[in-house]
Amino acid sequence: VLTLLVALPAAQVLARCEFRGRRLVQALNTVPFVLPTVVVGAAFLALFGGDSPVGVDLRGSVTAIVLANVFFNHAVVVRTVGGLWESLDPRTEEAARVLGASRLGAFRAVTLPALRPAIASAAVITFLFTFTSFGVVRILGGARHVTLEVEIYRQTADLLDLPVASVLAIVQLLAV
């Protein structure tokens, strides 16, 4: 939800506004998504860890995991929703405005219904990427916050408990 709230305005700006350097901003927006999750986790640990340059220590917190996942998945929402938003005819929203709708009313009545499939797709993809972000959770979550993948890894690599890891892997397969 937070990724959608942060990325939808960016999608709107990149889809509807023409400005110098727009292509560069679109390219830079994609960079976090092509990074491995381990790199994103390490970068956030360096930024918000013990020797934080911003003076905030978020090690082992859900906040750090959420922020890293928002950063990582921002491009998914911008590309998915922005691609459709670019193809929408702005004249339909303008027609609603001419007929008396407010800017927000025209957006809710015209643009939002057209964007719903892309928003839903972006939300599902973002949820899946967030739910399976092994590197981010492994590095930023510490021992308190783990996903099933991280726990399978911990049981296998750290505790050498292969029977438990096998059962967890089977549970994960059955859940899919």
Protein backbone atom coordinates (compact mmCIF):
# COMPACT_ATOMS: atom_id res chain seq x y z
CA VAL A 1 0.00 0.00 0.00
CA LEU A 2 2.82 2.39 0.88
CA THR A 3 4.56 1.63 -2.42
CA LEU A 4 1.36 2.50 -4.29
CA LEU A 5 0.93 5.73 -2.34
CA VAL A 6 4.50 6.81 -3.06
CA ALA A 7 4.72 5.62 -6.66
CA LEU A 8 1.35 6.69 -8.10
CA PRO A 9 2.19 10.42 -8.04
CA ALA A 10 5.52 9.63 -9.70
CA ALA A 11 3.71 7.58 -12.33
CA GLN A 12 1.38 10.49 -13.00
CA VAL A 13 4.22 12.98 -13.36
CA LEU A 14 6.25 10.72 -15.65
CA ALA A 15 3.18 9.84 -17.74
CA ARG A 16 1.60 13.28 -18.12
CA CYS A 17 4.37 15.86 -17.80
CA GLU A 18 6.96 16.69 -20.40
CA PHE A 19 10.18 18.07 -18.96
CA ARG A 20 13.86 18.12 -19.72
CA GLY A 21 15.54 14.97 -18.42
CA ARG A 22 12.32 12.95 -18.26
CA ARG A 23 13.92 9.94 -19.97
CA LEU A 24 16.82 10.07 -17.51
CA VAL A 25 14.42 10.16 -14.55
CA GLN A 26 12.56 7.16 -16.00
CA ALA A 27 15.83 5.27 -16.40
CA LEU A 28 17.01 6.16 -12.89
CA ASN A 29 13.64 5.07 -11.51
CA THR A 30 14.28 1.56 -12.85
CA VAL A 31 17.73 1.18 -11.27
CA PRO A 32 16.56 0.00 -7.81
CA PHE A 33 14.45 -2.75 -9.34
CA VAL A 34 17.33 -4.26 -11.28
CA LEU A 35 19.53 -4.36 -8.20
CA PRO A 36 19.68 -7.65 -6.32
CA THR A 37 17.67 -7.54 -3.09
CA VAL A 38 20.86 -8.25 -1.14
CA VAL A 39 22.38 -5.03 -2.52
CA VAL A 40 19.25 -3.06 -1.61
CA GLY A 41 19.32 -4.55 1.89
CA ALA A 42 23.02 -3.74 2.31
CA ALA A 43 22.49 -0.19 1.06
CA PHE A 44 19.66 0.39 3.54
CA LEU A 45 21.73 -1.14 6.32
CA ALA A 46 24.54 1.28 5.47
CA LEU A 47 22.08 4.18 5.37
CA PHE A 48 20.02 3.29 8.44
CA GLY A 49 22.37 0.99 10.38
CA GLY A 50 24.54 1.51 13.44
CA ASP A 51 26.83 4.13 11.88
CA SER A 52 23.98 5.81 10.02
CA PRO A 53 24.92 8.98 8.15
CA VAL A 54 21.35 10.22 8.66
CA GLY A 55 21.43 9.54 12.39
CA VAL A 56 18.63 6.96 12.41
CA ASP A 57 19.22 3.35 13.45
CA LEU A 58 16.54 1.07 12.01
CA ARG A 59 18.44 -2.23 12.22
CA GLY A 60 16.18 -5.18 12.82
CA SER A 61 12.99 -3.15 12.40
CA VAL A 62 9.96 -3.66 10.23
CA THR A 63 10.28 -0.01 9.20
CA ALA A 64 13.63 -0.69 7.52
CA ILE A 65 12.19 -3.68 5.66
CA VAL A 66 9.14 -1.71 4.51
CA LEU A 67 11.21 1.28 3.34
CA ALA A 68 13.61 -0.97 1.44
CA ASN A 69 10.73 -2.77 -0.26
CA VAL A 70 9.08 0.54 -1.19
CA PHE A 71 12.38 1.67 -2.71
CA PHE A 72 12.83 -1.65 -4.52
CA ASN A 73 9.27 -1.90 -5.90
CA HIS A 74 8.70 1.76 -6.74
CA ALA A 75 9.68 1.15 -10.37
CA VAL A 76 7.16 -1.69 -10.74
CA VAL A 77 4.26 0.62 -9.96
CA VAL A 78 5.61 3.54 -11.98
CA ARG A 79 6.21 1.39 -15.05
CA THR A 80 2.99 -0.62 -14.82
CA VAL A 81 0.60 2.23 -14.05
CA GLY A 82 2.55 4.91 -15.90
CA GLY A 83 2.54 2.89 -19.12
CA LEU A 84 -1.25 2.76 -19.15
CA TRP A 85 -1.59 6.34 -17.91
CA GLU A 86 0.49 7.56 -20.87
CA SER A 87 -1.86 5.87 -23.31
CA LEU A 88 -5.04 7.40 -21.81
CA ASP A 89 -6.52 10.28 -23.72
CA PRO A 90 -6.35 13.36 -21.46
CA ARG A 91 -9.29 14.89 -23.33
CA THR A 92 -11.75 12.61 -21.52
CA GLU A 93 -10.73 14.04 -18.16
CA GLU A 94 -10.79 17.55 -19.66
CA ALA A 95 -14.33 16.90 -20.93
CA ALA A 96 -15.43 15.95 -17.41
CA ARG A 97 -13.91 19.19 -16.14
CA VAL A 98 -15.76 21.20 -18.80
CA LEU A 99 -18.99 19.51 -17.71
CA GLY A 100 -18.48 20.79 -14.18
CA ALA A 101 -16.43 18.14 -12.40
CA SER A 102 -13.68 19.27 -10.09
CA ARG A 103 -10.13 18.14 -10.79
CA LEU A 104 -10.45 15.41 -8.14
CA GLY A 105 -13.94 14.49 -9.30
CA ALA A 106 -12.79 14.12 -12.90
CA PHE A 107 -9.87 11.98 -11.76
CA ARG A 108 -12.15 9.72 -9.69
CA ALA A 109 -14.84 9.43 -12.38
CA VAL A 110 -12.69 9.12 -15.50
CA THR A 111 -9.02 8.37 -14.93
CA LEU A 112 -9.11 6.13 -11.85
CA PRO A 113 -11.54 3.57 -13.35
CA ALA A 114 -9.32 3.36 -16.43
CA LEU A 115 -6.23 2.86 -14.26
CA ARG A 116 -7.75 0.25 -11.91
CA PRO A 117 -6.49 -2.81 -13.84
CA ALA A 118 -2.93 -1.45 -13.92
CA ILE A 119 -3.08 -0.44 -10.25
CA ALA A 120 -4.37 -3.89 -9.30
CA SER A 121 -1.65 -5.57 -11.36
CA ALA A 122 1.05 -3.39 -9.83
CA ALA A 123 -0.30 -4.08 -6.33
CA VAL A 124 -0.24 -7.85 -6.85
CA ILE A 125 3.24 -7.84 -8.36
CA THR A 126 4.52 -5.57 -5.60
CA PHE A 127 2.99 -7.84 -2.96
CA LEU A 128 4.67 -10.89 -4.51
CA PHE A 129 8.06 -9.20 -4.74
CA THR A 130 7.76 -7.88 -1.18
CA PHE A 131 6.60 -11.23 0.18
CA THR A 132 9.59 -13.01 -1.37
CA SER A 133 12.32 -10.39 -0.86
CA PHE A 134 14.85 -12.73 0.67
CA GLY A 135 17.85 -10.39 0.65
CA VAL A 136 16.07 -7.41 2.17
CA VAL A 137 14.51 -9.43 4.98
CA ARG A 138 17.68 -11.45 5.66
CA ILE A 139 19.86 -8.36 6.00
CA LEU A 140 17.47 -5.87 7.60
CA GLY A 141 15.13 -8.14 9.58
CA GLY A 142 17.62 -9.64 11.95
CA ALA A 143 16.48 -12.66 13.94
CA ARG A 144 13.08 -11.21 14.86
CA HIS A 145 11.61 -10.59 11.42
CA VAL A 146 11.82 -13.43 8.92
CA THR A 147 9.89 -14.78 5.95
CA LEU A 148 9.52 -18.44 5.10
CA GLU A 149 12.43 -18.27 2.65
CA VAL A 150 14.69 -16.68 5.26
CA GLU A 151 13.71 -19.29 7.85
CA ILE A 152 14.46 -22.13 5.41
CA TYR A 153 17.86 -20.58 4.78
CA ARG A 154 18.49 -20.11 8.53
CA GLN A 155 17.53 -23.70 9.32
CA THR A 156 19.79 -24.97 6.53
CA ALA A 157 22.85 -22.72 6.67
CA ASP A 158 22.98 -21.45 10.25
CA LEU A 159 21.48 -24.32 12.29
CA LEU A 160 22.15 -27.24 9.90
CA ASP A 161 18.69 -28.58 10.70
CA LEU A 162 17.88 -30.14 7.34
CA PRO A 163 14.72 -32.00 8.44
CA VAL A 164 13.07 -28.78 9.62
CA ALA A 165 14.26 -26.93 6.50
CA SER A 166 12.80 -29.71 4.33
CA VAL A 167 9.43 -29.53 6.06
CA LEU A 168 9.37 -25.74 5.65
CA ALA A 169 10.27 -26.09 1.96
CA ILE A 170 7.40 -28.55 1.47
CA VAL A 171 5.04 -26.15 3.26
CA GLN A 172 6.19 -23.41 0.94
CA LEU A 173 5.61 -25.58 -2.13
CA LEU A 174 2.13 -26.54 -0.92
CA ALA A 175 1.28 -22.89 -0.32
CA VAL A 176 1.97 -22.09 -3.95
